[in-house]
Amino acid sequence: MPDEPDITISVTLRADVADLLSALIDPDFGVTGLDGVIGTLVDHAWQGTLRPGSWERPWLCSAFGSDWTRRLERDPDVPHHDRRRRTSGD
């Protein structure tokens, strides 16, 4: 939802993980630091949850299994997008 405020989280990485992920830093690609790497990974995960036909969807299923997709439903406002399944109280 574009009108909702951003949520800030803190991420702690082991030094060896940060070192390997730093190989993904590429200013020519618009990724200028580890925060950019994490942001890009999050963006691809978001695309995979949003768009059922995206290349990211099977990537997420390989990382998280396929059961998570049952927590999605088609977005009635944008038929080619999914959204988190609404439950009572949402």
C-alpha atoms as a PDB file:
ATOM      1  CA  MET A   1       0.000   0.000   0.000  1.00  0.00           C
ATOM      2  CA  PRO A   2       1.723   3.199  -1.138  1.00  0.00           C
ATOM      3  CA  ASP A   3       0.126   5.396   1.555  1.00  0.00           C
ATOM      4  CA  GLU A   4       1.330   3.234   4.437  1.00  0.00           C
ATOM      5  CA  PRO A   5       4.476   4.275   6.312  1.00  0.00           C
ATOM      6  CA  ASP A   6       7.741   2.448   5.689  1.00  0.00           C
ATOM      7  CA  ILE A   7       8.855  -0.146   8.211  1.00  0.00           C
ATOM      8  CA  THR A   8      12.474  -0.124   9.343  1.00  0.00           C
ATOM      9  CA  ILE A   9      14.184  -3.335  10.410  1.00  0.00           C
ATOM     10  CA  SER A  10      17.682  -4.048  11.638  1.00  0.00           C
ATOM     11  CA  VAL A  11      19.628  -6.899  10.026  1.00  0.00           C
ATOM     12  CA  THR A  12      22.737  -8.460  11.517  1.00  0.00           C
ATOM     13  CA  LEU A  13      24.956 -10.495   9.195  1.00  0.00           C
ATOM     14  CA  ARG A  14      27.857 -12.727  10.079  1.00  0.00           C
ATOM     15  CA  ALA A  15      31.092 -11.258   8.735  1.00  0.00           C
ATOM     16  CA  ASP A  16      31.621 -14.148   6.293  1.00  0.00           C
ATOM     17  CA  VAL A  17      28.083 -13.744   4.919  1.00  0.00           C
ATOM     18  CA  ALA A  18      28.572  -9.996   4.511  1.00  0.00           C
ATOM     19  CA  ASP A  19      31.881 -10.613   2.762  1.00  0.00           C
ATOM     20  CA  LEU A  20      30.329 -12.985   0.212  1.00  0.00           C
ATOM     21  CA  LEU A  21      27.282 -10.793  -0.337  1.00  0.00           C
ATOM     22  CA  SER A  22      29.598  -7.853  -1.014  1.00  0.00           C
ATOM     23  CA  ALA A  23      30.441  -9.581  -4.307  1.00  0.00           C
ATOM     24  CA  LEU A  24      26.949  -8.453  -5.418  1.00  0.00           C
ATOM     25  CA  ILE A  25      27.781  -4.766  -4.925  1.00  0.00           C
ATOM     26  CA  ASP A  26      27.852  -3.140  -8.359  1.00  0.00           C
ATOM     27  CA  PRO A  27      27.512   0.650  -8.637  1.00  0.00           C
ATOM     28  CA  ASP A  28      27.007   0.311 -12.418  1.00  0.00           C
ATOM     29  CA  PHE A  29      23.914  -1.790 -11.644  1.00  0.00           C
ATOM     30  CA  GLY A  30      22.748   0.643  -8.953  1.00  0.00           C
ATOM     31  CA  VAL A  31      23.796  -1.479  -5.983  1.00  0.00           C
ATOM     32  CA  THR A  32      26.262   0.618  -4.014  1.00  0.00           C
ATOM     33  CA  GLY A  33      26.565  -1.180  -0.674  1.00  0.00           C
ATOM     34  CA  LEU A  34      25.372  -4.098   1.410  1.00  0.00           C
ATOM     35  CA  ASP A  35      22.175  -2.194   2.139  1.00  0.00           C
ATOM     36  CA  GLY A  36      21.610  -2.060  -1.623  1.00  0.00           C
ATOM     37  CA  VAL A  37      22.252  -5.802  -1.927  1.00  0.00           C
ATOM     38  CA  ILE A  38      19.713  -6.551   0.805  1.00  0.00           C
ATOM     39  CA  GLY A  39      17.270  -4.070  -0.726  1.00  0.00           C
ATOM     40  CA  THR A  40      17.584  -5.730  -4.137  1.00  0.00           C
ATOM     41  CA  LEU A  41      17.039  -9.184  -2.643  1.00  0.00           C
ATOM     42  CA  VAL A  42      13.969  -7.924  -0.781  1.00  0.00           C
ATOM     43  CA  ASP A  43      12.644  -6.312  -3.969  1.00  0.00           C
ATOM     44  CA  HIS A  44      12.955  -9.616  -5.845  1.00  0.00           C
ATOM     45  CA  ALA A  45      11.226 -11.464  -3.001  1.00  0.00           C
ATOM     46  CA  TRP A  46       8.439  -8.871  -3.128  1.00  0.00           C
ATOM     47  CA  GLN A  47       8.097  -9.311  -6.901  1.00  0.00           C
ATOM     48  CA  GLY A  48       7.860 -13.081  -6.389  1.00  0.00           C
ATOM     49  CA  THR A  49       5.028 -12.723  -3.894  1.00  0.00           C
ATOM     50  CA  LEU A  50       3.243 -10.075  -5.946  1.00  0.00           C
ATOM     51  CA  ARG A  51       3.428 -11.591  -9.433  1.00  0.00           C
ATOM     52  CA  PRO A  52       2.531 -15.281  -9.797  1.00  0.00           C
ATOM     53  CA  GLY A  53       4.152 -15.531 -13.243  1.00  0.00           C
ATOM     54  CA  SER A  54       7.431 -13.896 -12.263  1.00  0.00           C
ATOM     55  CA  TRP A  55      10.788 -15.659 -12.438  1.00  0.00           C
ATOM     56  CA  GLU A  56      11.139 -14.887  -8.731  1.00  0.00           C
ATOM     57  CA  ARG A  57       8.153 -17.072  -7.706  1.00  0.00           C
ATOM     58  CA  PRO A  58       9.913 -20.420  -8.286  1.00  0.00           C
ATOM     59  CA  TRP A  59      13.052 -18.943  -6.685  1.00  0.00           C
ATOM     60  CA  LEU A  60      11.033 -18.230  -3.538  1.00  0.00           C
ATOM     61  CA  CYS A  61       9.442 -21.679  -3.655  1.00  0.00           C
ATOM     62  CA  SER A  62      12.888 -23.260  -3.788  1.00  0.00           C
ATOM     63  CA  ALA A  63      13.912 -21.221  -0.731  1.00  0.00           C
ATOM     64  CA  PHE A  64      10.682 -21.404   1.306  1.00  0.00           C
ATOM     65  CA  GLY A  65       8.771 -24.371  -0.131  1.00  0.00           C
ATOM     66  CA  SER A  66       5.457 -24.016  -1.933  1.00  0.00           C
ATOM     67  CA  ASP A  67       3.114 -23.915   1.052  1.00  0.00           C
ATOM     68  CA  TRP A  68       3.549 -20.161   1.559  1.00  0.00           C
ATOM     69  CA  THR A  69       1.624 -19.490  -1.655  1.00  0.00           C
ATOM     70  CA  ARG A  70      -1.595 -20.663   0.052  1.00  0.00           C
ATOM     71  CA  ARG A  71      -1.358 -17.496   2.148  1.00  0.00           C
ATOM     72  CA  LEU A  72      -1.864 -15.468  -1.029  1.00  0.00           C
ATOM     73  CA  GLU A  73      -4.981 -14.646  -3.017  1.00  0.00           C
ATOM     74  CA  ARG A  74      -5.568 -12.882  -6.310  1.00  0.00           C
ATOM     75  CA  ASP A  75      -5.829  -9.116  -5.895  1.00  0.00           C
ATOM     76  CA  PRO A  76      -9.302  -8.132  -7.137  1.00  0.00           C
ATOM     77  CA  ASP A  77      -8.040  -4.634  -7.980  1.00  0.00           C
ATOM     78  CA  VAL A  78      -5.098  -5.912 -10.081  1.00  0.00           C
ATOM     79  CA  PRO A  79      -6.018  -9.348 -11.502  1.00  0.00           C
ATOM     80  CA  HIS A  80      -2.462 -10.305 -12.525  1.00  0.00           C
ATOM     81  CA  HIS A  81      -1.136  -9.650  -8.995  1.00  0.00           C
ATOM     82  CA  ASP A  82      -1.477 -11.552  -5.746  1.00  0.00           C
ATOM     83  CA  ARG A  83      -1.838 -10.148  -2.256  1.00  0.00           C
ATOM     84  CA  ARG A  84      -1.636 -11.623   1.223  1.00  0.00           C
ATOM     85  CA  ARG A  85      -4.815 -13.569   1.949  1.00  0.00           C
ATOM     86  CA  ARG A  86      -7.069 -11.519   4.195  1.00  0.00           C
ATOM     87  CA  THR A  87      -8.226 -13.040   7.440  1.00  0.00           C
ATOM     88  CA  SER A  88     -10.710 -11.722   9.952  1.00  0.00           C
ATOM     89  CA  GLY A  89      -9.110  -8.865  11.841  1.00  0.00           C
ATOM     90  CA  ASP A  90      -6.883  -7.702   8.934  1.00  0.00           C
END
